[in-house]
Protein backbone atom coordinates (compact mmCIF):
# COMPACT_ATOMS: atom_id res chain seq x y z
CA MET A 1 20.09 -12.81 -10.28
CA THR A 2 22.93 -13.76 -8.08
CA THR A 3 25.53 -11.45 -9.77
CA LEU A 4 23.79 -8.29 -9.10
CA LEU A 5 26.47 -7.15 -6.60
CA ASP A 6 30.23 -8.06 -6.17
CA PRO A 7 31.34 -9.11 -2.63
CA SER A 8 32.43 -5.59 -1.77
CA SER A 9 29.25 -4.03 -2.64
CA ARG A 10 27.14 -6.71 -0.96
CA SER A 11 29.04 -5.76 2.31
CA LEU A 12 28.47 -2.15 1.82
CA VAL A 13 24.79 -2.77 1.28
CA PHE A 14 24.40 -4.95 4.44
CA ALA A 15 26.45 -2.66 6.54
CA VAL A 16 24.57 0.29 5.66
CA PHE A 17 21.11 -1.53 6.19
CA CYS A 18 22.14 -2.74 9.60
CA VAL A 19 23.40 0.54 10.70
CA PHE A 20 20.04 1.96 9.60
CA VAL A 21 18.16 -0.56 11.47
CA VAL A 22 20.05 0.17 14.67
CA ILE A 23 19.54 3.78 14.41
CA CYS A 24 15.71 3.23 13.57
CA LEU A 25 15.51 1.05 16.59
CA MET A 26 16.99 3.86 18.75
CA LEU A 27 14.73 6.38 17.20
CA CYS A 28 11.59 4.30 17.90
CA VAL A 29 12.62 3.93 21.52
CA VAL A 30 13.47 7.67 22.05
CA THR A 31 10.74 9.17 20.23
CA GLY A 32 7.98 6.33 20.33
CA ALA A 33 4.81 6.40 22.24
CA ASP A 34 4.80 6.02 26.13
CA GLU A 35 3.31 2.62 27.49
CA ASP A 36 0.24 4.69 28.58
CA ASP A 37 -0.30 6.26 25.09
CA ARG A 38 -3.84 5.26 23.81
CA ALA A 39 -3.36 2.68 20.95
CA LEU A 40 0.19 3.92 20.33
CA VAL A 41 -1.40 6.79 18.44
CA ARG A 42 -2.81 9.79 20.39
CA SER A 43 -0.34 11.71 22.49
CA ASP A 44 -1.10 15.47 21.96
CA SER A 45 2.22 16.84 23.18
CA ARG A 46 4.49 14.36 21.09
CA ARG A 47 2.87 14.17 17.57
CA LEU A 48 4.81 14.96 14.49
CA ARG A 49 4.43 18.20 13.02
CA SER A 50 2.13 18.50 9.97
CA TRP A 51 4.80 18.51 7.24
CA GLN A 52 6.50 15.39 8.97
CA GLN A 53 3.17 13.77 8.90
CA GLY A 54 2.61 14.56 5.21
CA ILE A 55 6.03 12.96 4.47
CA ALA A 56 5.28 10.06 6.42
CA MET A 57 1.99 9.62 4.84
CA GLY A 58 3.43 9.87 1.37
CA GLY A 59 5.88 7.03 2.57
CA ASP A 60 2.91 4.86 3.55
CA THR A 61 1.67 5.11 0.04
CA THR A 62 4.88 4.09 -1.46
CA THR A 63 5.62 0.40 -0.85
CA VAL A 64 8.41 -1.71 -1.82
CA ALA A 65 6.11 -3.24 -4.60
CA THR A 66 5.69 0.28 -5.83
CA VAL A 67 9.45 0.50 -6.20
CA THR A 68 10.01 -2.90 -7.84
CA VAL A 69 7.03 -4.46 -9.26
CA LEU A 70 5.33 -1.28 -10.54
CA VAL A 71 8.93 -0.18 -12.26
CA GLY A 72 9.13 -3.57 -13.76
CA MET A 73 5.59 -3.14 -15.18
CA VAL A 74 6.62 0.34 -16.64
CA ALA A 75 9.81 -1.08 -17.98
CA THR A 76 7.91 -4.23 -19.53
CA PHE A 77 4.49 -2.78 -20.51
CA GLY A 78 5.12 0.85 -20.65
CA PHE A 79 1.83 2.65 -20.88
CA ASP A 80 -0.31 0.44 -18.57
CA GLY A 81 2.41 0.67 -15.84
CA LEU A 82 2.11 4.38 -16.01
CA GLY A 83 -1.59 4.14 -15.65
CA VAL A 84 -1.16 2.38 -12.04
CA MET A 85 0.95 5.51 -10.97
CA LEU A 86 -1.72 7.93 -12.27
CA GLY A 87 -4.56 6.09 -10.36
CA SER A 88 -2.58 6.36 -7.22
CA LEU A 89 -2.01 10.20 -7.66
CA ILE A 90 -5.58 10.48 -8.46
CA GLY A 91 -6.44 8.57 -5.01
CA VAL A 92 -4.10 11.00 -2.88
CA LEU A 93 -5.99 13.80 -4.60
CA LEU A 94 -9.33 12.35 -3.55
CA LEU A 95 -7.94 11.72 -0.29
CA LEU A 96 -6.73 15.37 0.21
CA VAL A 97 -10.14 16.92 -1.20
CA LEU A 98 -12.68 14.39 0.41
CA ILE A 99 -11.32 12.44 3.27
CA ILE A 100 -8.35 13.60 5.20
CA GLU A 101 -9.84 16.94 7.10
CA PRO A 102 -13.48 15.50 7.94
CA LEU A 103 -11.92 12.11 9.13
CA ARG A 104 -9.59 13.88 11.47
CA ARG A 105 -12.59 15.61 12.76
CA HIS A 106 -14.78 12.92 13.78
CA ALA A 107 -12.45 10.07 14.35
CA SER A 108 -10.31 9.60 17.55
CA LEU A 109 -8.43 6.19 16.85
CA THR A 110 -9.58 4.27 13.78
CA PRO A 111 -12.03 5.23 11.16
CA ALA A 112 -14.69 2.97 12.82
CA ASP A 113 -14.85 5.82 15.51
CA MET A 114 -16.08 8.28 12.79
CA LEU A 115 -18.78 5.84 11.80
CA ASP A 116 -19.92 5.59 15.51
CA ALA A 117 -19.90 9.37 15.79
CA ARG A 118 -21.74 9.93 12.62
CA GLY A 119 -24.65 7.35 13.61
CA SER A 120 -23.62 4.52 11.12
CA GLY A 121 -21.51 2.44 13.37
CA GLY A 122 -21.97 0.00 16.16
CA PRO A 123 -20.13 -3.04 17.67
CA ALA A 124 -21.11 -5.17 14.56
CA VAL A 125 -19.92 -2.54 11.97
CA ARG A 126 -16.56 -1.97 14.15
CA VAL A 127 -15.69 -5.65 14.18
CA SER A 128 -16.46 -5.79 10.61
CA TRP A 129 -14.51 -2.66 9.81
CA GLY A 130 -11.49 -4.24 11.75
CA ALA A 131 -11.62 -7.49 10.16
CA VAL A 132 -11.94 -5.98 6.50
CA THR A 133 -8.97 -3.95 7.45
CA LEU A 134 -6.83 -6.90 8.37
CA LEU A 135 -7.80 -8.72 5.19
CA VAL A 136 -6.44 -5.71 3.45
CA CYS A 137 -3.37 -5.59 5.63
CA PHE A 138 -2.26 -8.99 5.67
CA PRO A 139 -1.80 -9.41 1.77
CA LEU A 140 -0.16 -5.94 1.54
CA LEU A 141 2.58 -7.20 4.34
CA VAL A 142 2.93 -10.51 2.63
CA VAL A 143 3.99 -8.78 -0.75
CA GLN A 144 6.45 -6.38 0.86
CA LEU A 145 8.21 -9.17 3.02
CA VAL A 146 8.32 -11.91 0.04
CA VAL A 147 9.74 -9.01 -2.18
CA VAL A 148 12.41 -7.99 0.02
CA GLY A 149 13.03 -11.56 1.03
CA ASN A 150 13.87 -12.27 -2.74
CA VAL A 151 16.07 -9.14 -2.90
CA ALA A 152 18.04 -10.11 -0.07
CA ALA A 153 18.57 -13.69 -1.02
CA ALA A 154 19.63 -12.28 -4.50
CA LEU A 155 22.03 -9.96 -3.11
CA ILE A 156 23.60 -12.57 -0.74
CA GLY A 157 24.03 -14.78 -3.76
CA GLN A 158 22.29 -17.67 -1.88
CA PRO A 159 18.53 -18.16 -3.20
CA GLY A 160 18.16 -20.97 -0.63
CA VAL A 161 18.30 -18.44 2.44
CA ARG A 162 15.07 -16.53 1.08
CA THR A 163 13.04 -18.15 3.95
CA GLY A 164 15.51 -17.08 6.66
CA CYS A 165 15.85 -13.68 5.05
CA VAL A 166 11.75 -13.12 5.37
CA VAL A 167 11.76 -14.36 8.93
CA VAL A 168 14.49 -12.36 9.85
CA ILE A 169 13.15 -8.97 8.38
CA GLY A 170 9.73 -9.50 9.65
CA CYS A 171 10.81 -9.95 13.09
CA VAL A 172 12.87 -6.54 12.88
CA MET A 173 9.82 -4.68 11.43
CA THR A 174 7.54 -6.00 13.99
CA ALA A 175 9.81 -4.93 16.61
CA LEU A 176 9.96 -1.49 15.24
CA ALA A 177 6.33 -1.32 15.19
CA VAL A 178 5.81 -2.39 18.67
CA SER A 179 8.37 -0.12 20.00
CA GLY A 180 7.66 3.03 18.27
CA GLY A 181 3.91 3.65 18.06
CA ILE A 182 3.04 6.11 15.45
CA ARG A 183 5.33 9.00 16.39
CA GLY A 184 8.34 6.50 16.23
CA THR A 185 7.31 4.95 13.01
CA GLY A 186 6.68 8.30 11.46
CA VAL A 187 10.33 9.05 12.26
CA VAL A 188 11.17 5.96 10.43
CA MET A 189 9.01 6.77 7.61
CA ILE A 190 10.72 10.35 7.26
CA ALA A 191 14.24 8.72 7.45
CA LYS A 192 13.39 6.44 4.73
CA SER A 193 12.18 9.40 2.46
CA VAL A 194 15.15 11.25 3.14
CA VAL A 195 17.23 8.30 1.65
CA THR A 196 14.73 6.95 -1.05
CA LEU A 197 13.65 10.22 -2.54
CA PRO A 198 17.17 11.53 -3.60
CA VAL A 199 18.44 8.32 -4.74
CA LEU A 200 15.51 7.62 -7.05
CA VAL A 201 15.96 11.23 -8.48
CA ILE A 202 19.63 10.85 -8.94
CA ALA A 203 18.81 7.69 -10.92
CA ALA A 204 16.31 9.31 -12.96
CA VAL A 205 18.68 12.04 -13.84
CA LEU A 206 21.41 9.50 -14.80
CA VAL A 207 18.81 7.96 -17.26
CA LEU A 208 17.97 11.32 -18.84
CA HIS A 209 21.73 11.95 -19.08
CA ARG A 210 22.68 8.97 -20.75
CA PHE A 211 20.11 10.12 -23.49
CA GLY A 212 21.18 13.52 -23.55
CA GLY A 213 18.23 15.07 -21.90
CA ASP A 214 16.04 14.27 -24.54
CA PRO A 215 12.92 12.57 -23.55
CA GLY A 216 12.05 11.63 -27.38
CA ARG A 217 15.10 9.75 -27.61
CA LEU A 218 14.56 8.08 -24.42
CA LEU A 219 11.18 6.80 -25.36
CA ASP A 220 12.37 5.66 -28.83
CA ALA A 221 15.11 3.68 -27.11
CA ALA A 222 12.46 2.06 -24.67
CA ALA A 223 10.13 1.12 -27.33
CA HIS A 224 12.98 -0.65 -29.05
CA GLY A 225 14.38 -2.01 -25.94
CA SER A 226 11.13 -3.70 -24.48
CA GLY A 227 10.87 -5.83 -27.70
CA THR A 228 7.16 -4.46 -28.41
CA GLY A 229 7.84 -1.54 -30.54
CA GLU A 230 5.25 1.30 -30.88
CA ALA A 231 3.00 -0.83 -28.77
CA PHE A 232 4.95 0.04 -25.71
CA LEU A 233 3.59 3.56 -25.84
CA ARG A 234 -0.10 2.57 -26.29
CA PRO A 235 -2.31 0.82 -23.66
CA GLY A 236 -2.92 -2.96 -23.97
CA GLY A 237 0.31 -4.45 -23.16
CA TYR A 238 -0.64 -5.57 -19.58
CA THR A 239 -4.41 -5.08 -19.54
CA GLY A 240 -5.03 -7.00 -22.99
CA ASP A 241 -7.09 -5.92 -26.02
CA GLY A 242 -10.84 -5.65 -26.73
CA TRP A 243 -13.45 -5.28 -24.07
CA VAL A 244 -11.56 -7.03 -21.50
CA GLY A 245 -8.59 -4.67 -22.05
CA ALA A 246 -10.76 -1.76 -21.55
CA VAL A 247 -12.44 -3.09 -18.41
CA ASN A 248 -9.04 -3.84 -17.04
CA ARG A 249 -7.59 -0.39 -17.70
CA ILE A 250 -10.64 1.58 -16.34
CA GLY A 251 -10.72 -0.87 -13.35
CA GLN A 252 -7.08 -0.16 -12.80
CA THR A 253 -7.25 3.48 -12.57
CA PHE A 254 -10.45 3.47 -10.80
CA GLY A 255 -9.61 0.51 -8.38
CA MET A 256 -6.13 2.15 -7.56
CA SER A 257 -7.57 5.46 -6.82
CA MET A 258 -10.17 4.20 -4.47
CA ALA A 259 -7.43 1.85 -2.89
CA THR A 260 -5.14 4.57 -2.09
CA LEU A 261 -8.04 6.84 -0.67
CA ALA A 262 -8.65 4.15 1.95
CA MET A 263 -5.32 2.77 2.76
CA PRO A 264 -5.28 1.69 6.23
CA ALA A 265 -1.95 3.06 7.36
CA VAL A 266 -2.54 6.40 5.48
CA LEU A 267 -5.98 6.72 7.29
CA MET A 268 -4.31 6.09 10.48
CA ARG A 269 -1.74 8.89 10.04
CA ALA A 270 -4.53 11.28 8.88
CA ILE A 271 -6.42 10.65 12.25
CA ALA A 272 -3.17 11.25 14.16
CA THR A 273 -2.50 14.73 12.77
CA LYS A 274 -2.98 17.70 15.01
CA SER A 275 -6.00 19.33 13.78
CA PRO A 276 -8.57 19.35 10.66
CA ARG A 277 -6.67 22.27 9.25
CA GLY A 278 -3.17 20.56 9.76
CA ALA A 279 -4.46 17.63 8.05
CA ARG A 280 -4.73 19.95 4.99
CA THR A 281 -1.02 20.72 5.07
CA VAL A 282 -0.31 17.11 5.65
CA GLY A 283 -2.13 16.41 2.48
CA ARG A 284 -0.19 19.03 0.54
CA TRP A 285 3.36 17.57 1.70
CA MET A 286 2.15 14.01 0.63
CA LEU A 287 1.12 15.17 -2.79
CA GLY A 288 4.11 17.03 -3.44
CA GLU A 289 6.27 13.96 -2.22
CA LEU A 290 4.49 11.38 -4.19
CA THR A 291 4.49 13.52 -7.51
CA LEU A 292 8.16 14.03 -7.51
CA LEU A 293 8.66 10.40 -6.53
CA TYR A 294 6.28 9.09 -9.20
CA GLY A 295 7.79 11.28 -11.77
CA ALA A 296 11.05 9.66 -10.89
CA LEU A 297 9.99 6.01 -10.95
CA ALA A 298 8.27 6.70 -14.30
CA VAL A 299 11.84 7.74 -15.63
CA VAL A 300 13.50 4.76 -14.20
CA GLY A 301 11.11 2.45 -15.50
CA ILE A 302 11.20 3.80 -18.95
CA GLY A 303 15.07 3.87 -18.75
CA ALA A 304 15.10 0.37 -17.57
CA ALA A 305 13.20 -0.60 -20.71
CA ALA A 306 15.71 1.27 -23.00
CA LEU A 307 19.04 -0.12 -21.06
CA VAL A 308 18.09 -3.41 -19.87
CA GLY A 309 14.78 -4.38 -21.64
CA GLY A 310 16.57 -7.52 -23.34
CA ALA A 311 17.89 -8.71 -19.96
CA LEU A 312 14.50 -8.44 -18.40
CA ARG A 313 12.70 -10.45 -21.41
CA GLU A 314 15.29 -13.32 -21.06
CA ALA A 315 14.72 -13.60 -17.23
CA GLY A 316 11.08 -13.59 -17.49
CA PRO A 317 8.41 -12.06 -15.13
CA ALA A 318 10.30 -12.88 -11.92
CA ALA A 319 12.85 -10.41 -13.03
CA GLN A 320 10.57 -7.50 -12.54
CA THR A 321 11.31 -7.29 -8.81
CA PHE A 322 14.94 -6.66 -9.66
CA THR A 323 14.35 -4.10 -12.39
CA PRO A 324 15.75 -1.18 -10.47
CA LEU A 325 18.91 -3.10 -9.61
CA LEU A 326 19.32 -4.03 -13.16
CA LEU A 327 19.18 -0.48 -14.14
CA GLY A 328 21.43 0.45 -11.49
CA ARG A 329 24.03 -1.87 -12.79
CA ALA A 330 23.82 -0.56 -16.48
CA LEU A 331 24.04 3.01 -15.28
CA ASP A 332 26.82 2.46 -12.90
CA SER A 333 29.51 -0.62 -13.38
CA GLY A 334 31.12 0.37 -10.29
CA GLY A 335 28.11 -1.04 -8.22
CA ILE A 336 27.70 2.15 -6.02
CA LEU A 337 24.14 2.97 -7.41
CA VAL A 338 23.33 -0.85 -7.19
CA ALA A 339 24.15 -0.69 -3.51
CA ALA A 340 22.06 2.61 -3.15
CA LEU A 341 19.18 1.26 -4.86
CA ALA A 342 19.39 -2.05 -2.73
CA CYS A 343 19.27 -0.06 0.36
CA VAL A 344 16.34 2.01 -1.05
CA LEU A 345 14.41 -1.32 -1.47
CA PHE A 346 15.30 -2.47 2.10
CA LEU A 347 14.37 0.57 3.65
CA THR A 348 11.08 1.04 1.62
CA ALA A 349 10.01 -2.33 2.74
CA LEU A 350 11.12 -1.57 6.52
CA ALA A 351 9.12 1.68 6.58
CA ALA A 352 5.99 0.06 4.77
CA VAL A 353 5.76 -2.95 6.73
CA VAL A 354 6.16 -1.20 10.16
CA ASP A 355 3.39 1.29 9.44
CA VAL A 356 1.01 -1.37 8.03
CA THR A 357 1.80 -3.76 11.05
CA LEU A 358 0.87 -0.71 13.42
CA ALA A 359 -2.39 -0.19 11.39
CA ALA A 360 -3.45 -3.84 11.47
CA GLY A 361 -2.51 -3.90 15.11
CA LEU A 362 -4.83 -1.09 15.98
CA ALA A 363 -7.46 -2.55 14.04
CA LEU A 364 -7.14 -5.91 15.61
CA GLY A 365 -7.13 -4.31 19.28
CA ARG A 366 -9.25 -1.48 18.91
CA ASP A 367 -12.00 -2.54 16.52
CA VAL A 368 -11.91 -6.45 16.59
CA LEU A 369 -10.93 -7.57 20.08
CA GLY A 370 -12.24 -4.12 21.82
CA ALA A 371 -15.82 -4.27 20.12
CA SER A 372 -16.46 -8.07 20.28
CA GLY A 373 -15.32 -7.97 24.04
CA GLY A 374 -17.58 -4.73 24.73
CA ARG A 375 -14.54 -2.84 26.31
CA THR A 376 -13.29 -0.81 23.37
CA ALA A 377 -11.91 1.99 25.29
CA GLY A 378 -10.30 -0.33 27.81
CA LEU A 379 -8.52 -2.31 25.09
CA ALA A 380 -7.20 0.64 23.18
CA ASP A 381 -4.23 1.08 25.78
CA GLY A 382 -0.56 0.98 24.74
CA ALA A 383 -0.02 -2.68 25.94
CA VAL A 384 -2.90 -4.18 24.10
CA SER A 385 -2.11 -2.27 20.98
CA ARG A 386 1.39 -3.56 21.31
CA GLY A 387 0.45 -7.26 21.58
CA SER A 388 -1.80 -6.86 18.78
CA ALA A 389 0.92 -5.43 16.58
CA ALA A 390 3.19 -8.15 17.43
CA LEU A 391 0.70 -10.84 16.75
CA THR A 392 -0.02 -9.40 13.33
CA GLY A 393 3.57 -9.16 12.40
CA ALA A 394 4.10 -12.84 13.49
CA VAL A 395 1.12 -14.00 11.43
CA ALA A 396 2.23 -11.92 8.37
CA THR A 397 5.80 -13.33 8.43
CA LEU A 398 4.31 -16.92 8.67
CA MET A 399 1.93 -16.23 5.63
CA ALA A 400 4.92 -14.67 3.77
CA VAL A 401 6.90 -17.82 4.11
CA VAL A 402 3.74 -19.79 2.90
CA ALA A 403 3.00 -17.55 0.01
CA ALA A 404 6.68 -17.02 -1.07
CA ASP A 405 6.26 -18.76 -4.43
CA TRP A 406 2.69 -17.58 -5.33
CA ASN A 407 2.01 -14.79 -7.91
CA LEU A 408 2.54 -11.52 -6.02
CA VAL A 409 0.39 -9.89 -8.66
CA VAL A 410 -2.55 -11.73 -7.28
CA VAL A 411 -1.88 -11.00 -3.80
CA SER A 412 -1.35 -7.25 -4.54
CA THR A 413 -4.50 -7.23 -6.58
CA LEU A 414 -6.36 -8.95 -3.72
CA TRP A 415 -5.65 -6.17 -1.22
CA LEU A 416 -6.24 -3.30 -3.72
CA ALA A 417 -9.66 -4.77 -4.73
CA VAL A 418 -10.93 -5.08 -1.30
CA CYS A 419 -9.53 -1.79 0.06
CA GLY A 420 -11.18 0.13 -2.87
CA ALA A 421 -14.25 -1.66 -2.98
CA ALA A 422 -15.27 -2.22 0.57
CA LEU A 423 -13.31 0.46 2.80
CA ALA A 424 -13.61 3.43 0.54
CA PRO A 425 -17.30 3.54 -0.25
CA VAL A 426 -17.99 3.06 3.58
CA LEU A 427 -15.89 6.11 4.19
CA LEU A 428 -17.46 8.37 1.68
CA TYR A 429 -21.00 7.35 2.49
CA ALA A 430 -20.40 7.95 6.08
CA LEU A 431 -18.90 11.38 5.69
CA TYR A 432 -21.28 12.67 2.92
CA TRP A 433 -24.67 10.82 2.89
CA PRO A 434 -26.85 11.35 5.96
CA GLY A 435 -29.05 8.46 5.12
CA PHE A 436 -26.08 5.99 5.58
CA THR A 437 -26.89 3.54 8.11
CA ALA A 438 -25.06 0.44 10.09
CA ARG A 439 -26.84 -2.07 7.79
CA GLY A 440 -25.57 -0.32 4.77
CA ALA A 441 -22.05 -0.34 6.14
CA LEU A 442 -22.33 -4.04 6.96
CA TRP A 443 -23.57 -5.00 3.38
CA CYS A 444 -20.68 -2.71 1.72
CA LEU A 445 -18.06 -4.27 3.64
CA TRP A 446 -18.83 -8.13 3.65
CA GLY A 447 -20.67 -7.85 0.18
CA ALA A 448 -17.80 -5.83 -1.56
CA THR A 449 -15.25 -8.03 0.14
CA ALA A 450 -16.97 -11.34 -1.02
CA LEU A 451 -17.47 -10.00 -4.42
CA SER A 452 -13.72 -9.11 -4.81
CA VAL A 453 -12.58 -12.45 -3.70
CA ALA A 454 -14.97 -14.25 -6.24
CA ALA A 455 -13.88 -11.86 -9.12
CA LEU A 456 -10.34 -12.70 -8.64
CA ALA A 457 -10.96 -16.53 -7.91
CA LEU A 458 -12.84 -16.83 -11.12
CA SER A 459 -10.09 -14.85 -12.99
CA PRO A 460 -6.87 -16.04 -14.73
CA TYR A 461 -4.67 -14.86 -11.85
CA THR A 462 -6.00 -18.08 -9.94
CA SER A 463 -6.18 -20.61 -12.53
CA GLY A 464 -6.12 -21.58 -16.27
CA THR A 465 -2.65 -19.98 -17.13
CA PRO A 466 1.08 -20.86 -16.29
CA GLU A 467 1.38 -17.87 -14.06
CA SER A 468 -1.88 -18.55 -12.17
CA ILE A 469 -1.66 -19.92 -8.32
CA PHE A 470 -3.18 -23.31 -9.61
CA PRO A 471 -1.78 -23.59 -13.09
CA GLY A 472 -2.77 -27.25 -13.46
CA VAL A 473 -6.62 -26.72 -13.29
CA ASP A 474 -8.95 -24.03 -15.03
CA PHE A 475 -12.17 -22.82 -13.29
CA ARG A 476 -11.96 -19.17 -14.37
CA VAL A 477 -15.14 -17.94 -15.70
CA TRP A 478 -13.72 -14.53 -17.23
CA ASP A 479 -10.53 -13.08 -18.56
CA VAL A 480 -10.80 -9.80 -16.57
CA THR A 481 -7.95 -9.70 -13.91
CA ILE A 482 -8.55 -6.20 -12.61
CA PRO A 483 -12.03 -6.11 -11.21
CA GLY A 484 -12.25 -2.58 -10.08
CA LEU A 485 -14.86 -1.44 -12.67
CA LEU A 486 -17.16 -4.10 -11.19
CA THR A 487 -16.30 -4.26 -7.47
CA VAL A 488 -16.11 -0.50 -6.76
CA PRO A 489 -19.64 0.47 -8.16
CA ALA A 490 -20.93 -2.93 -6.42
CA GLY A 491 -19.52 -1.57 -3.22
CA PHE A 492 -21.51 1.76 -3.40
CA LEU A 493 -24.58 -0.16 -4.61
CA LEU A 494 -24.61 -2.33 -1.68
CA GLY A 495 -23.99 0.35 0.72
CA TRP A 496 -26.88 2.25 -0.83
CA LEU A 497 -29.01 -0.96 -0.92
CA GLY A 498 -28.61 -1.95 2.48
CA SER A 499 -29.23 1.67 3.86
CA VAL A 500 -32.62 2.28 2.00
CA THR A 501 -33.87 -1.24 3.00
CA ASP A 502 -33.07 -0.66 6.72
CA PRO A 503 -36.10 -1.08 8.68
CA GLY A 504 -34.97 1.62 11.06
CA ARG A 505 -35.37 4.15 8.36
CA SER A 506 -39.03 3.75 8.22
CA ALA A 507 -39.62 2.99 12.00
CA GLY A 508 -37.98 6.39 13.11
CA GLY A 509 -35.65 7.93 10.46
CA VAL A 510 -32.18 7.35 10.17
CA ARG A 511 -30.07 6.73 13.60
CA GLY A 512 -27.71 9.75 14.14
CA SER A 513 -28.91 12.17 11.64
CA ARG A 514 -29.40 14.81 14.18
CA ARG A 515 -25.88 13.97 15.29
CA ARG A 516 -24.58 14.19 11.90
CA ALA A 517 -26.30 17.70 11.44
CA LYS A 518 -24.54 19.06 14.35
CA LEU A 519 -20.87 17.59 13.56
CA ASP A 520 -21.39 19.07 10.16
CA ALA A 521 -22.33 22.52 11.52
CA ALA A 522 -19.66 22.66 13.80
């Protein structure tokens, strides 16, 4: 992968990237939150407009793994890769219909505020929500940093500098999160979308042009180039066959939709919208952006199978990270498209890590440290939130260095599983079930998290195969690798069971039920 760019193209990529980073730092300083802004989030006179917030939220859903690993999955496995995109779009629809407006109405800084307002919160729930949010954010940050570090090292042509690339990029992104707050990072996210979306659409148009604008020819060429023939167009290439394949496919779509619904960075921006009505506008812009983006990514992935499928098979699974760049080289031998796509990868990682770092810093400062210290409001100021974001970014960078050689699919599946099984059920129950209690929230948060970790620890992702984290041992007990069909219903069940067995129900009704009724009637 060291020949992706010639020296002049490498110079162009890094010159453009450095200029963009400087501009982003300046934007964050100029448009970012003041030191006194609460948790770098709420500044009523300086919020982004609703349509701008919608574009930023769409950018939160699009990580560098979306543009690299997901496109690589489409190029290698066809139908199953497209299923992941479908699950993400379903999650955006659920967020728009079920979550975004009532969450904005009841939460002030983090979703734990909504749990308090609706009577199913408390210090223990707040700490638990913050801790599980961190468990979701850290794997997501690690994936972003490792992918962009690998790409940077390949573009430089020196694989040995990967660790240095991860550290430098991690420091830059942490600085952006700390200096900008939600408004400053939102401006970065919008700038990323302005660059990323046109480049990917142009790449998709060039793919279609290569095949005369005929989707049928493109699909036939992709099936042939993938080396799997007609199986490319059918389910099972990635998820497997038989009952295991069925469980994986359903769990993939189900789990992805629930995880998208509860992504911490997306929820952070939903809370920061101007009003519940403005939240609906945010959702429409977000959905429109992602529909166009995923359409372009699907065409890019299928085009990669058609044009560079052989090179992907020869290079092995590690080449999936470089799929967009390989396609760019096949479409444009001059290197301009490769340089543009490389900038897209850098900018996508930059924006995603900045927002996730900020969301994790808010969870740490507002929920974990604030609730455990008994001074929630006092610890929600700008200084503490900045310190929490800086600490989060530093720890994530260190973790990325340690986990650089791990199977990134395992790390991605971990955060998706925990987010969909633990956070999403608590959100939905708190908003729509008057009988939901703090005990139900705790059971769901910790029970679903433990079950998700156990399901992955006992799967082929962890042991028993050459691609596992521990390939030399085998302690797997099942072959399911995408446990969403088990973990998400288990999360809902634990939340229900904890609530109906809560002694407070029989002693005097559900705490906060009257408050819920007043809030819903408002």
